[in-house]
N, C-alpha and C. Protein backbone atom coordinates (compact mmCIF):
# COMPACT_ATOMS: atom_id res chain seq x y z
N UNK A 1 102.29 94.51 124.31
CA UNK A 1 102.72 93.20 123.84
C UNK A 1 103.11 93.31 122.37
N UNK A 2 104.19 92.68 122.01
CA UNK A 2 104.74 92.80 120.66
C UNK A 2 103.78 92.32 119.58
N UNK A 3 103.05 91.26 119.85
CA UNK A 3 102.14 90.73 118.83
C UNK A 3 101.01 91.72 118.52
N UNK A 4 100.59 92.48 119.51
CA UNK A 4 99.56 93.51 119.27
C UNK A 4 100.11 94.56 118.31
N UNK A 5 101.35 94.97 118.51
CA UNK A 5 101.98 95.95 117.61
C UNK A 5 102.07 95.39 116.19
N UNK A 6 102.42 94.13 116.06
CA UNK A 6 102.48 93.50 114.74
C UNK A 6 101.10 93.47 114.09
N UNK A 7 100.07 93.22 114.87
CA UNK A 7 98.71 93.23 114.33
C UNK A 7 98.33 94.62 113.85
N UNK A 8 98.70 95.63 114.62
CA UNK A 8 98.41 97.01 114.21
C UNK A 8 99.11 97.33 112.89
N UNK A 9 100.36 96.90 112.76
CA UNK A 9 101.09 97.12 111.52
C UNK A 9 100.44 96.38 110.36
N UNK A 10 99.96 95.17 110.62
CA UNK A 10 99.27 94.39 109.58
C UNK A 10 98.03 95.14 109.11
N UNK A 11 97.27 95.68 110.06
CA UNK A 11 96.05 96.42 109.69
C UNK A 11 96.40 97.65 108.86
N UNK A 12 97.49 98.32 109.19
CA UNK A 12 97.93 99.47 108.40
C UNK A 12 98.32 99.04 106.99
N UNK A 13 99.01 97.91 106.88
CA UNK A 13 99.41 97.40 105.57
C UNK A 13 98.19 97.04 104.72
N UNK A 14 97.20 96.42 105.35
CA UNK A 14 95.98 96.07 104.62
C UNK A 14 95.29 97.34 104.13
N UNK A 15 95.24 98.35 104.96
CA UNK A 15 94.63 99.62 104.56
C UNK A 15 95.35 100.21 103.35
N UNK A 16 96.68 100.18 103.38
CA UNK A 16 97.47 100.67 102.24
C UNK A 16 97.18 99.84 101.00
N UNK A 17 97.12 98.53 101.17
CA UNK A 17 96.85 97.64 100.03
C UNK A 17 95.47 97.90 99.45
N UNK A 18 94.50 98.18 100.32
CA UNK A 18 93.15 98.51 99.85
C UNK A 18 93.20 99.77 99.01
N UNK A 19 93.89 100.79 99.51
CA UNK A 19 93.98 102.06 98.78
C UNK A 19 94.71 101.91 97.46
N UNK A 20 95.69 101.01 97.42
CA UNK A 20 96.46 100.78 96.19
C UNK A 20 95.85 99.68 95.32
N UNK A 21 94.83 99.01 95.85
CA UNK A 21 94.19 97.90 95.13
C UNK A 21 95.22 96.82 94.81
N UNK A 22 96.02 96.47 95.81
CA UNK A 22 97.14 95.57 95.59
C UNK A 22 97.20 94.49 96.67
N UNK A 23 96.57 93.37 96.42
CA UNK A 23 96.61 92.25 97.35
C UNK A 23 97.60 91.22 96.84
N UNK A 24 98.45 90.75 97.73
CA UNK A 24 99.39 89.69 97.37
C UNK A 24 99.23 88.55 98.36
N UNK A 25 99.83 87.44 98.02
CA UNK A 25 99.79 86.29 98.92
C UNK A 25 100.53 86.58 100.22
N UNK A 26 101.39 87.58 100.18
CA UNK A 26 102.18 87.95 101.35
C UNK A 26 101.28 88.34 102.54
N UNK A 27 100.18 89.03 102.27
CA UNK A 27 99.28 89.43 103.36
C UNK A 27 98.70 88.20 104.05
N UNK A 28 98.28 87.22 103.26
CA UNK A 28 97.73 86.00 103.84
C UNK A 28 98.79 85.28 104.66
N UNK A 29 100.00 85.18 104.10
CA UNK A 29 101.09 84.51 104.81
C UNK A 29 101.43 85.22 106.11
N UNK A 30 101.36 86.54 106.10
CA UNK A 30 101.65 87.29 107.32
C UNK A 30 100.60 87.03 108.38
N UNK A 31 99.34 86.96 107.97
CA UNK A 31 98.27 86.65 108.93
C UNK A 31 98.46 85.26 109.51
N UNK A 32 98.83 84.30 108.66
CA UNK A 32 99.10 82.95 109.15
C UNK A 32 100.25 82.95 110.15
N UNK A 33 101.29 83.72 109.86
CA UNK A 33 102.44 83.80 110.78
C UNK A 33 102.03 84.40 112.12
N UNK A 34 101.18 85.42 112.10
CA UNK A 34 100.71 86.02 113.35
C UNK A 34 99.94 85.00 114.17
N UNK A 35 99.08 84.23 113.53
CA UNK A 35 98.30 83.22 114.23
C UNK A 35 99.18 82.12 114.81
N UNK A 36 100.18 81.69 114.06
CA UNK A 36 101.10 80.66 114.56
C UNK A 36 101.89 81.18 115.75
N UNK A 37 102.33 82.42 115.65
CA UNK A 37 103.09 83.05 116.74
C UNK A 37 102.24 83.08 118.00
N UNK A 38 100.99 83.51 117.85
CA UNK A 38 100.08 83.58 119.00
C UNK A 38 99.90 82.20 119.62
N UNK A 39 99.72 81.18 118.81
CA UNK A 39 99.53 79.82 119.34
C UNK A 39 100.77 79.35 120.12
N UNK A 40 101.96 79.67 119.59
CA UNK A 40 103.20 79.29 120.30
C UNK A 40 103.29 80.00 121.65
N UNK A 41 102.92 81.26 121.67
CA UNK A 41 102.96 82.03 122.93
C UNK A 41 101.97 81.43 123.93
N UNK A 42 100.77 81.10 123.48
CA UNK A 42 99.76 80.56 124.38
C UNK A 42 100.13 79.17 124.89
N UNK A 43 100.85 78.39 124.09
CA UNK A 43 101.28 77.06 124.55
C UNK A 43 102.25 77.16 125.72
N UNK A 44 103.03 78.23 125.77
CA UNK A 44 104.01 78.42 126.84
C UNK A 44 103.48 79.27 127.99
N UNK A 45 102.28 79.78 127.85
CA UNK A 45 101.71 80.69 128.86
C UNK A 45 101.06 79.88 129.98
N UNK A 46 101.80 79.69 131.04
CA UNK A 46 101.30 78.88 132.16
C UNK A 46 100.42 79.68 133.12
N UNK A 47 100.56 80.98 133.13
CA UNK A 47 99.89 81.80 134.13
C UNK A 47 98.72 82.59 133.58
N UNK A 48 98.55 82.62 132.29
CA UNK A 48 97.44 83.39 131.72
C UNK A 48 97.85 84.82 131.42
N UNK A 49 98.00 85.11 130.17
CA UNK A 49 98.41 86.45 129.75
C UNK A 49 97.26 87.42 129.93
N UNK A 50 97.47 88.53 130.63
CA UNK A 50 96.37 89.47 130.85
C UNK A 50 95.90 90.14 129.56
N UNK A 51 96.73 90.14 128.54
CA UNK A 51 96.33 90.78 127.27
C UNK A 51 95.80 89.77 126.25
N UNK A 52 95.51 88.57 126.69
CA UNK A 52 95.04 87.52 125.78
C UNK A 52 93.83 87.97 124.97
N UNK A 53 92.84 88.53 125.60
CA UNK A 53 91.64 88.96 124.90
C UNK A 53 91.93 90.07 123.90
N UNK A 54 92.85 90.97 124.25
CA UNK A 54 93.23 92.05 123.34
C UNK A 54 93.91 91.47 122.09
N UNK A 55 94.81 90.53 122.30
CA UNK A 55 95.50 89.91 121.17
C UNK A 55 94.51 89.17 120.29
N UNK A 56 93.63 88.41 120.89
CA UNK A 56 92.63 87.67 120.12
C UNK A 56 91.73 88.62 119.33
N UNK A 57 91.39 89.74 119.92
CA UNK A 57 90.58 90.74 119.24
C UNK A 57 91.32 91.31 118.04
N UNK A 58 92.59 91.62 118.21
CA UNK A 58 93.38 92.15 117.09
C UNK A 58 93.54 91.11 115.99
N UNK A 59 93.78 89.86 116.34
CA UNK A 59 93.90 88.82 115.32
C UNK A 59 92.60 88.68 114.53
N UNK A 60 91.49 88.79 115.22
CA UNK A 60 90.19 88.72 114.53
C UNK A 60 90.01 89.92 113.60
N UNK A 61 90.41 91.10 114.05
CA UNK A 61 90.33 92.29 113.20
C UNK A 61 91.20 92.12 111.95
N UNK A 62 92.38 91.55 112.12
CA UNK A 62 93.27 91.31 110.99
C UNK A 62 92.62 90.36 109.98
N UNK A 63 92.04 89.29 110.50
CA UNK A 63 91.39 88.31 109.63
C UNK A 63 90.23 88.95 108.89
N UNK A 64 89.41 89.71 109.59
CA UNK A 64 88.27 90.37 108.96
C UNK A 64 88.72 91.38 107.90
N UNK A 65 89.78 92.12 108.19
CA UNK A 65 90.28 93.10 107.23
C UNK A 65 90.76 92.42 105.95
N UNK A 66 91.49 91.32 106.12
CA UNK A 66 91.99 90.60 104.96
C UNK A 66 90.84 90.02 104.14
N UNK A 67 89.88 89.39 104.79
CA UNK A 67 88.75 88.81 104.07
C UNK A 67 87.92 89.89 103.39
N UNK A 68 87.75 91.02 104.04
CA UNK A 68 87.02 92.13 103.43
C UNK A 68 87.72 92.62 102.17
N UNK A 69 89.04 92.71 102.25
CA UNK A 69 89.82 93.15 101.10
C UNK A 69 89.67 92.15 99.94
N UNK A 70 89.74 90.87 100.24
CA UNK A 70 89.58 89.84 99.21
C UNK A 70 88.20 89.96 98.57
N UNK A 71 87.17 90.17 99.37
CA UNK A 71 85.82 90.32 98.83
C UNK A 71 85.73 91.51 97.89
N UNK A 72 86.35 92.62 98.24
CA UNK A 72 86.33 93.82 97.38
C UNK A 72 87.00 93.53 96.04
N UNK A 73 88.08 92.79 96.08
CA UNK A 73 88.77 92.45 94.83
C UNK A 73 87.89 91.54 93.98
N UNK A 74 87.27 90.56 94.60
CA UNK A 74 86.42 89.63 93.85
C UNK A 74 85.20 90.35 93.26
N UNK A 75 84.68 91.34 93.96
CA UNK A 75 83.53 92.09 93.44
C UNK A 75 83.89 92.87 92.18
N UNK A 76 85.14 93.29 92.08
CA UNK A 76 85.57 94.07 90.92
C UNK A 76 85.75 93.21 89.68
N UNK A 77 85.92 91.90 89.88
CA UNK A 77 86.15 91.01 88.73
C UNK A 77 84.88 90.66 88.02
């Protein structure tokens, strides 16, 4: 599913940002876009997507990665 691939790419970007110590608002906006995309897909899903749990798991991982990164930045201040 395409959204899973986008989540994987997001996690890779967060990892790069952690290594570079470079957080921008863009990461937050991208996570918001992924969540909105998922909600639109689920609104049209009449039969139940078999990968729903996988997508939800990836979205949660993305959220946790972003929040973890923000915490690391705040700890350094």
